[in-house]
C-alpha atoms as a PDB file:
ATOM      1  CA  UNK A   1     129.026 105.122  93.338  1.00  0.00           C
ATOM      2  CA  UNK A   2     127.088 107.064  95.997  1.00  0.00           C
ATOM      3  CA  UNK A   3     129.246 109.653  97.771  1.00  0.00           C
ATOM      4  CA  UNK A   4     128.565 110.332 101.450  1.00  0.00           C
ATOM      5  CA  UNK A   5     129.543 113.135 103.829  1.00  0.00           C
ATOM      6  CA  UNK A   6     129.408 112.064 107.483  1.00  0.00           C
ATOM      7  CA  UNK A   7     128.499 114.698 110.074  1.00  0.00           C
ATOM      8  CA  UNK A   8     128.620 113.861 113.784  1.00  0.00           C
ATOM      9  CA  UNK A   9     130.413 115.440 116.728  1.00  0.00           C
ATOM     10  CA  UNK A  10     131.376 112.009 118.059  1.00  0.00           C
ATOM     11  CA  UNK A  11     134.508 110.625 116.323  1.00  0.00           C
ATOM     12  CA  UNK A  12     133.565 107.068 117.297  1.00  0.00           C
ATOM     13  CA  UNK A  13     130.210 107.341 115.529  1.00  0.00           C
ATOM     14  CA  UNK A  14     131.883 108.732 112.404  1.00  0.00           C
ATOM     15  CA  UNK A  15     134.515 105.997 112.453  1.00  0.00           C
ATOM     16  CA  UNK A  16     131.892 103.269 112.795  1.00  0.00           C
ATOM     17  CA  UNK A  17     129.804 104.651 109.938  1.00  0.00           C
ATOM     18  CA  UNK A  18     132.895 105.165 107.801  1.00  0.00           C
ATOM     19  CA  UNK A  19     133.837 101.522 108.259  1.00  0.00           C
ATOM     20  CA  UNK A  20     130.486 100.043 107.243  1.00  0.00           C
ATOM     21  CA  UNK A  21     129.988 102.458 104.346  1.00  0.00           C
ATOM     22  CA  UNK A  22     133.485 101.906 102.972  1.00  0.00           C
ATOM     23  CA  UNK A  23     132.859  98.149 102.959  1.00  0.00           C
ATOM     24  CA  UNK A  24     129.824  98.600 100.691  1.00  0.00           C
ATOM     25  CA  UNK A  25     130.746  98.304  96.991  1.00  0.00           C
ATOM     26  CA  UNK A  26     128.408 101.106  95.864  1.00  0.00           C
ATOM     27  CA  UNK A  27     129.068 103.655  98.632  1.00  0.00           C
ATOM     28  CA  UNK A  28     132.043 105.850  99.449  1.00  0.00           C
ATOM     29  CA  UNK A  29     132.793 108.364 102.199  1.00  0.00           C
ATOM     30  CA  UNK A  30     134.189 111.588 100.727  1.00  0.00           C
ATOM     31  CA  UNK A  31     134.492 113.585 103.932  1.00  0.00           C
ATOM     32  CA  UNK A  32     133.702 113.943 107.627  1.00  0.00           C
ATOM     33  CA  UNK A  33     132.642 116.890 109.774  1.00  0.00           C
ATOM     34  CA  UNK A  34     132.237 117.297 113.507  1.00  0.00           C
ATOM     35  CA  UNK A  35     130.212 120.524 113.477  1.00  0.00           C
ATOM     36  CA  UNK A  36     127.328 122.010 111.540  1.00  0.00           C
ATOM     37  CA  UNK A  37     129.541 124.804 110.252  1.00  0.00           C
ATOM     38  CA  UNK A  38     132.036 122.340 108.809  1.00  0.00           C
ATOM     39  CA  UNK A  39     129.171 120.313 107.349  1.00  0.00           C
ATOM     40  CA  UNK A  40     127.893 123.289 105.350  1.00  0.00           C
ATOM     41  CA  UNK A  41     131.389 124.118 104.119  1.00  0.00           C
ATOM     42  CA  UNK A  42     132.281 120.559 103.125  1.00  0.00           C
ATOM     43  CA  UNK A  43     128.922 119.960 101.456  1.00  0.00           C
ATOM     44  CA  UNK A  44     129.654 122.918  99.184  1.00  0.00           C
ATOM     45  CA  UNK A  45     133.261 121.879  98.544  1.00  0.00           C
ATOM     46  CA  UNK A  46     132.851 118.115  98.116  1.00  0.00           C
ATOM     47  CA  UNK A  47     129.325 118.040  96.605  1.00  0.00           C
ATOM     48  CA  UNK A  48     128.383 114.623  97.998  1.00  0.00           C
ATOM     49  CA  UNK A  49     125.223 112.798  96.997  1.00  0.00           C
ATOM     50  CA  UNK A  50     124.183 112.289 100.630  1.00  0.00           C
ATOM     51  CA  UNK A  51     124.906 114.077 103.898  1.00  0.00           C
ATOM     52  CA  UNK A  52     124.347 111.888 106.963  1.00  0.00           C
ATOM     53  CA  UNK A  53     123.640 114.595 109.542  1.00  0.00           C
ATOM     54  CA  UNK A  54     123.619 114.453 113.333  1.00  0.00           C
ATOM     55  CA  UNK A  55     121.247 116.878 115.067  1.00  0.00           C
ATOM     56  CA  UNK A  56     122.847 117.726 118.376  1.00  0.00           C
ATOM     57  CA  UNK A  57     126.245 119.326 117.824  1.00  0.00           C
ATOM     58  CA  UNK A  58     128.061 122.273 119.436  1.00  0.00           C
ATOM     59  CA  UNK A  59     127.612 125.626 117.743  1.00  0.00           C
ATOM     60  CA  UNK A  60     125.463 125.249 114.647  1.00  0.00           C
ATOM     61  CA  UNK A  61     123.176 122.257 115.139  1.00  0.00           C
ATOM     62  CA  UNK A  62     122.098 119.780 112.486  1.00  0.00           C
ATOM     63  CA  UNK A  63     118.776 121.509 111.845  1.00  0.00           C
ATOM     64  CA  UNK A  64     120.338 124.811 110.813  1.00  0.00           C
ATOM     65  CA  UNK A  65     123.071 122.994 108.907  1.00  0.00           C
ATOM     66  CA  UNK A  66     120.409 120.986 107.050  1.00  0.00           C
ATOM     67  CA  UNK A  67     118.549 124.182 106.166  1.00  0.00           C
ATOM     68  CA  UNK A  68     121.695 125.746 104.726  1.00  0.00           C
ATOM     69  CA  UNK A  69     122.869 122.610 102.913  1.00  0.00           C
ATOM     70  CA  UNK A  70     119.518 121.943 101.232  1.00  0.00           C
ATOM     71  CA  UNK A  71     119.120 125.605 100.211  1.00  0.00           C
ATOM     72  CA  UNK A  72     122.207 125.451  97.982  1.00  0.00           C
ATOM     73  CA  UNK A  73     121.926 124.871  94.209  1.00  0.00           C
ATOM     74  CA  UNK A  74     122.032 121.164  93.286  1.00  0.00           C
ATOM     75  CA  UNK A  75     121.923 120.373  96.996  1.00  0.00           C
ATOM     76  CA  UNK A  76     122.675 116.875  98.268  1.00  0.00           C
ATOM     77  CA  UNK A  77     120.045 114.848 100.036  1.00  0.00           C
ATOM     78  CA  UNK A  78     120.245 115.010 103.831  1.00  0.00           C
ATOM     79  CA  UNK A  79     119.618 111.979 106.000  1.00  0.00           C
ATOM     80  CA  UNK A  80     119.293 112.872 109.673  1.00  0.00           C
ATOM     81  CA  UNK A  81     121.139 110.810 112.258  1.00  0.00           C
ATOM     82  CA  UNK A  82     119.415 110.824 115.633  1.00  0.00           C
ATOM     83  CA  UNK A  83     118.543 108.955 118.792  1.00  0.00           C
ATOM     84  CA  UNK A  84     114.860 109.360 117.970  1.00  0.00           C
ATOM     85  CA  UNK A  85     113.256 108.460 121.281  1.00  0.00           C
ATOM     86  CA  UNK A  86     115.224 111.153 123.079  1.00  0.00           C
ATOM     87  CA  UNK A  87     115.405 113.743 120.315  1.00  0.00           C
ATOM     88  CA  UNK A  88     112.599 116.285 119.983  1.00  0.00           C
ATOM     89  CA  UNK A  89     114.040 118.005 116.931  1.00  0.00           C
ATOM     90  CA  UNK A  90     113.390 115.471 114.188  1.00  0.00           C
ATOM     91  CA  UNK A  91     110.378 117.391 112.899  1.00  0.00           C
ATOM     92  CA  UNK A  92     112.457 120.552 112.666  1.00  0.00           C
ATOM     93  CA  UNK A  93     115.107 118.734 110.658  1.00  0.00           C
ATOM     94  CA  UNK A  94     112.525 117.343 108.240  1.00  0.00           C
ATOM     95  CA  UNK A  95     110.968 120.777 107.894  1.00  0.00           C
ATOM     96  CA  UNK A  96     114.451 122.186 107.206  1.00  0.00           C
ATOM     97  CA  UNK A  97     114.753 119.939 104.160  1.00  0.00           C
ATOM     98  CA  UNK A  98     115.962 116.531 105.326  1.00  0.00           C
ATOM     99  CA  UNK A  99     114.647 113.636 103.267  1.00  0.00           C
ATOM    100  CA  UNK A 100     114.486 111.236 106.183  1.00  0.00           C
ATOM    101  CA  UNK A 101     116.431 110.016 109.119  1.00  0.00           C
ATOM    102  CA  UNK A 102     118.486 107.228 110.625  1.00  0.00           C
ATOM    103  CA  UNK A 103     118.333 106.029 114.207  1.00  0.00           C
ATOM    104  CA  UNK A 104     121.759 105.373 115.676  1.00  0.00           C
ATOM    105  CA  UNK A 105     120.854 101.907 116.940  1.00  0.00           C
ATOM    106  CA  UNK A 106     119.574 100.656 113.572  1.00  0.00           C
ATOM    107  CA  UNK A 107     120.935  97.463 112.077  1.00  0.00           C
ATOM    108  CA  UNK A 108     123.960  98.133 109.878  1.00  0.00           C
ATOM    109  CA  UNK A 109     122.289  96.748 106.752  1.00  0.00           C
ATOM    110  CA  UNK A 110     119.309  99.045 107.380  1.00  0.00           C
ATOM    111  CA  UNK A 111     121.604 102.056 107.597  1.00  0.00           C
ATOM    112  CA  UNK A 112     123.153 101.212 104.229  1.00  0.00           C
ATOM    113  CA  UNK A 113     119.720 100.581 102.718  1.00  0.00           C
ATOM    114  CA  UNK A 114     118.501 103.935 104.053  1.00  0.00           C
ATOM    115  CA  UNK A 115     121.385 105.760 102.394  1.00  0.00           C
ATOM    116  CA  UNK A 116     120.583 104.082  99.072  1.00  0.00           C
ATOM    117  CA  UNK A 117     116.878 104.900  99.339  1.00  0.00           C
ATOM    118  CA  UNK A 118     117.500 108.596  99.924  1.00  0.00           C
ATOM    119  CA  UNK A 119     120.235 108.730  97.276  1.00  0.00           C
ATOM    120  CA  UNK A 120     117.663 107.449  94.771  1.00  0.00           C
ATOM    121  CA  UNK A 121     115.568 110.536  95.469  1.00  0.00           C
ATOM    122  CA  UNK A 122     113.049 108.887  97.757  1.00  0.00           C
ATOM    123  CA  UNK A 123     112.060 109.937 101.251  1.00  0.00           C
ATOM    124  CA  UNK A 124     112.895 107.587 104.062  1.00  0.00           C
ATOM    125  CA  UNK A 125     109.967 107.734 106.416  1.00  0.00           C
ATOM    126  CA  UNK A 126     108.672 104.436 107.734  1.00  0.00           C
ATOM    127  CA  UNK A 127     104.936 104.294 108.513  1.00  0.00           C
ATOM    128  CA  UNK A 128     105.472 103.526 112.203  1.00  0.00           C
ATOM    129  CA  UNK A 129     107.896 106.412 112.518  1.00  0.00           C
ATOM    130  CA  UNK A 130     105.503 108.758 110.730  1.00  0.00           C
ATOM    131  CA  UNK A 131     102.819 107.965 113.293  1.00  0.00           C
ATOM    132  CA  UNK A 132     105.229 108.633 116.148  1.00  0.00           C
ATOM    133  CA  UNK A 133     106.341 111.927 114.603  1.00  0.00           C
ATOM    134  CA  UNK A 134     102.776 113.133 114.173  1.00  0.00           C
ATOM    135  CA  UNK A 135     101.735 111.935 117.624  1.00  0.00           C
ATOM    136  CA  UNK A 136     104.658 113.746 119.236  1.00  0.00           C
ATOM    137  CA  UNK A 137     104.704 116.997 117.311  1.00  0.00           C
ATOM    138  CA  UNK A 138     100.960 117.471 117.058  1.00  0.00           C
ATOM    139  CA  UNK A 139     101.105 118.178 120.793  1.00  0.00           C
ATOM    140  CA  UNK A 140     103.639 120.961 120.261  1.00  0.00           C
ATOM    141  CA  UNK A 141     102.778 124.569 119.318  1.00  0.00           C
ATOM    142  CA  UNK A 142     102.294 124.894 115.575  1.00  0.00           C
ATOM    143  CA  UNK A 143     105.312 126.651 114.005  1.00  0.00           C
ATOM    144  CA  UNK A 144     104.602 130.181 112.833  1.00  0.00           C
ATOM    145  CA  UNK A 145     104.146 129.996 109.074  1.00  0.00           C
ATOM    146  CA  UNK A 146     101.882 131.150 106.307  1.00  0.00           C
ATOM    147  CA  UNK A 147      98.560 129.274 106.346  1.00  0.00           C
ATOM    148  CA  UNK A 148      98.582 126.218 104.151  1.00  0.00           C
ATOM    149  CA  UNK A 149      95.681 125.996 101.731  1.00  0.00           C
ATOM    150  CA  UNK A 150      94.449 122.767 100.209  1.00  0.00           C
ATOM    151  CA  UNK A 151      91.838 124.410  97.990  1.00  0.00           C
ATOM    152  CA  UNK A 152      93.332 122.907  94.846  1.00  0.00           C
ATOM    153  CA  UNK A 153      92.902 119.344  96.092  1.00  0.00           C
ATOM    154  CA  UNK A 154      89.969 117.119  95.286  1.00  0.00           C
ATOM    155  CA  UNK A 155      88.144 115.225  98.015  1.00  0.00           C
ATOM    156  CA  UNK A 156      89.976 112.049  97.070  1.00  0.00           C
ATOM    157  CA  UNK A 157      93.347 113.806  97.122  1.00  0.00           C
ATOM    158  CA  UNK A 158      92.597 115.113 100.623  1.00  0.00           C
ATOM    159  CA  UNK A 159      91.812 111.559 101.693  1.00  0.00           C
ATOM    160  CA  UNK A 160      95.103 110.353 100.247  1.00  0.00           C
ATOM    161  CA  UNK A 161      97.054 113.181 101.913  1.00  0.00           C
ATOM    162  CA  UNK A 162      95.455 112.394 105.260  1.00  0.00           C
ATOM    163  CA  UNK A 163      96.481 108.762 104.993  1.00  0.00           C
ATOM    164  CA  UNK A 164     100.019 109.743 103.999  1.00  0.00           C
ATOM    165  CA  UNK A 165     100.119 111.946 107.083  1.00  0.00           C
ATOM    166  CA  UNK A 166      99.012 109.018 109.212  1.00  0.00           C
ATOM    167  CA  UNK A 167     101.935 106.997 107.935  1.00  0.00           C
ATOM    168  CA  UNK A 168     100.112 104.667 105.565  1.00  0.00           C
ATOM    169  CA  UNK A 169     102.161 103.024 102.833  1.00  0.00           C
ATOM    170  CA  UNK A 170     100.962 103.043  99.218  1.00  0.00           C
ATOM    171  CA  UNK A 171      99.726  99.485  99.615  1.00  0.00           C
ATOM    172  CA  UNK A 172      97.810 100.353 102.788  1.00  0.00           C
ATOM    173  CA  UNK A 173      96.279 103.417 101.123  1.00  0.00           C
ATOM    174  CA  UNK A 174      95.198 101.330  98.147  1.00  0.00           C
ATOM    175  CA  UNK A 175      93.601  98.717 100.397  1.00  0.00           C
ATOM    176  CA  UNK A 176      91.814 101.236 102.601  1.00  0.00           C
ATOM    177  CA  UNK A 177      90.376 103.197  99.670  1.00  0.00           C
ATOM    178  CA  UNK A 178      89.776 100.183  97.415  1.00  0.00           C
ATOM    179  CA  UNK A 179      92.267 101.339  94.794  1.00  0.00           C
ATOM    180  CA  UNK A 180      95.077  99.615  92.957  1.00  0.00           C
ATOM    181  CA  UNK A 181      98.584 100.332  94.229  1.00  0.00           C
ATOM    182  CA  UNK A 182      99.397 101.955  90.886  1.00  0.00           C
ATOM    183  CA  UNK A 183      96.449 104.331  91.298  1.00  0.00           C
ATOM    184  CA  UNK A 184      97.567 105.204  94.829  1.00  0.00           C
ATOM    185  CA  UNK A 185     101.046 106.026  93.487  1.00  0.00           C
ATOM    186  CA  UNK A 186      99.491 108.239  90.817  1.00  0.00           C
ATOM    187  CA  UNK A 187      97.610 110.188  93.467  1.00  0.00           C
ATOM    188  CA  UNK A 188     100.824 110.628  95.465  1.00  0.00           C
ATOM    189  CA  UNK A 189     102.550 112.006  92.372  1.00  0.00           C
ATOM    190  CA  UNK A 190      99.696 114.451  91.814  1.00  0.00           C
ATOM    191  CA  UNK A 191      99.919 115.626  95.419  1.00  0.00           C
ATOM    192  CA  UNK A 192     103.654 116.197  95.109  1.00  0.00           C
ATOM    193  CA  UNK A 193     103.041 118.350  92.036  1.00  0.00           C
ATOM    194  CA  UNK A 194     100.033 120.284  93.340  1.00  0.00           C
ATOM    195  CA  UNK A 195     101.603 121.026  96.712  1.00  0.00           C
ATOM    196  CA  UNK A 196     105.063 121.668  95.266  1.00  0.00           C
ATOM    197  CA  UNK A 197     106.400 119.100  97.712  1.00  0.00           C
ATOM    198  CA  UNK A 198     109.887 117.668  97.313  1.00  0.00           C
ATOM    199  CA  UNK A 199     109.032 114.222  98.661  1.00  0.00           C
ATOM    200  CA  UNK A 200     106.753 112.196 100.908  1.00  0.00           C
ATOM    201  CA  UNK A 201     108.236 113.747 104.035  1.00  0.00           C
ATOM    202  CA  UNK A 202     106.963 117.156 102.962  1.00  0.00           C
ATOM    203  CA  UNK A 203     103.526 115.682 102.325  1.00  0.00           C
ATOM    204  CA  UNK A 204     103.469 114.433 105.917  1.00  0.00           C
ATOM    205  CA  UNK A 205     104.456 117.888 107.183  1.00  0.00           C
ATOM    206  CA  UNK A 206     101.749 119.496 105.024  1.00  0.00           C
ATOM    207  CA  UNK A 207      99.118 117.081 106.348  1.00  0.00           C
ATOM    208  CA  UNK A 208     100.069 118.070 109.887  1.00  0.00           C
ATOM    209  CA  UNK A 209     100.403 121.825 109.368  1.00  0.00           C
ATOM    210  CA  UNK A 210      97.158 122.071 107.389  1.00  0.00           C
ATOM    211  CA  UNK A 211      95.224 120.385 110.182  1.00  0.00           C
ATOM    212  CA  UNK A 212      94.307 117.237 108.256  1.00  0.00           C
ATOM    213  CA  UNK A 213      96.235 115.224 110.839  1.00  0.00           C
ATOM    214  CA  UNK A 214      96.164 116.076 114.511  1.00  0.00           C
ATOM    215  CA  UNK A 215      96.817 114.532 117.932  1.00  0.00           C
ATOM    216  CA  UNK A 216      95.980 110.863 118.209  1.00  0.00           C
END
């Protein structure tokens, strides 16, 4: 059973999500929060598998709450809940430690599938969404951070990382570089290890911040 903490300042949104999640045989809602502060507190108390996190909330927003939740020992996975086309903070939430995001107008079955994907330890970042993230945030000032070095990567690994940053799936990477899908997956695993990245989302962020991927 996958336990879920719902975080949204709109009671109607929480009630709707609660209803569809409760109806799923393998998911259960263990708590709800209407603010980022309550989200951090309940995540520590209830220890859910997944926190479905809104971004725009009064007081502490979802980005800061995500940063605090994911910094805790044995932290739950965080799945951002956003109206993507209007929200300019998705990148910040991913950088804060979120493993992916949901769009509020997604199909109900897709929302449930997204929760399961992230609960399994995978990043939820669709190729089309990755391209939109990079296109949008590459036009913004680069966040102040220590320079990212890719000196440990081989030429092939840099190619793979670039394609990940451009939103290519493993199958698309394999086709483009004339590899098997299994080989492409192996390269992704190596990149995760070499770059100390938690998941594919962090690889995308690294590709952007290192300059491998820029405005398109």
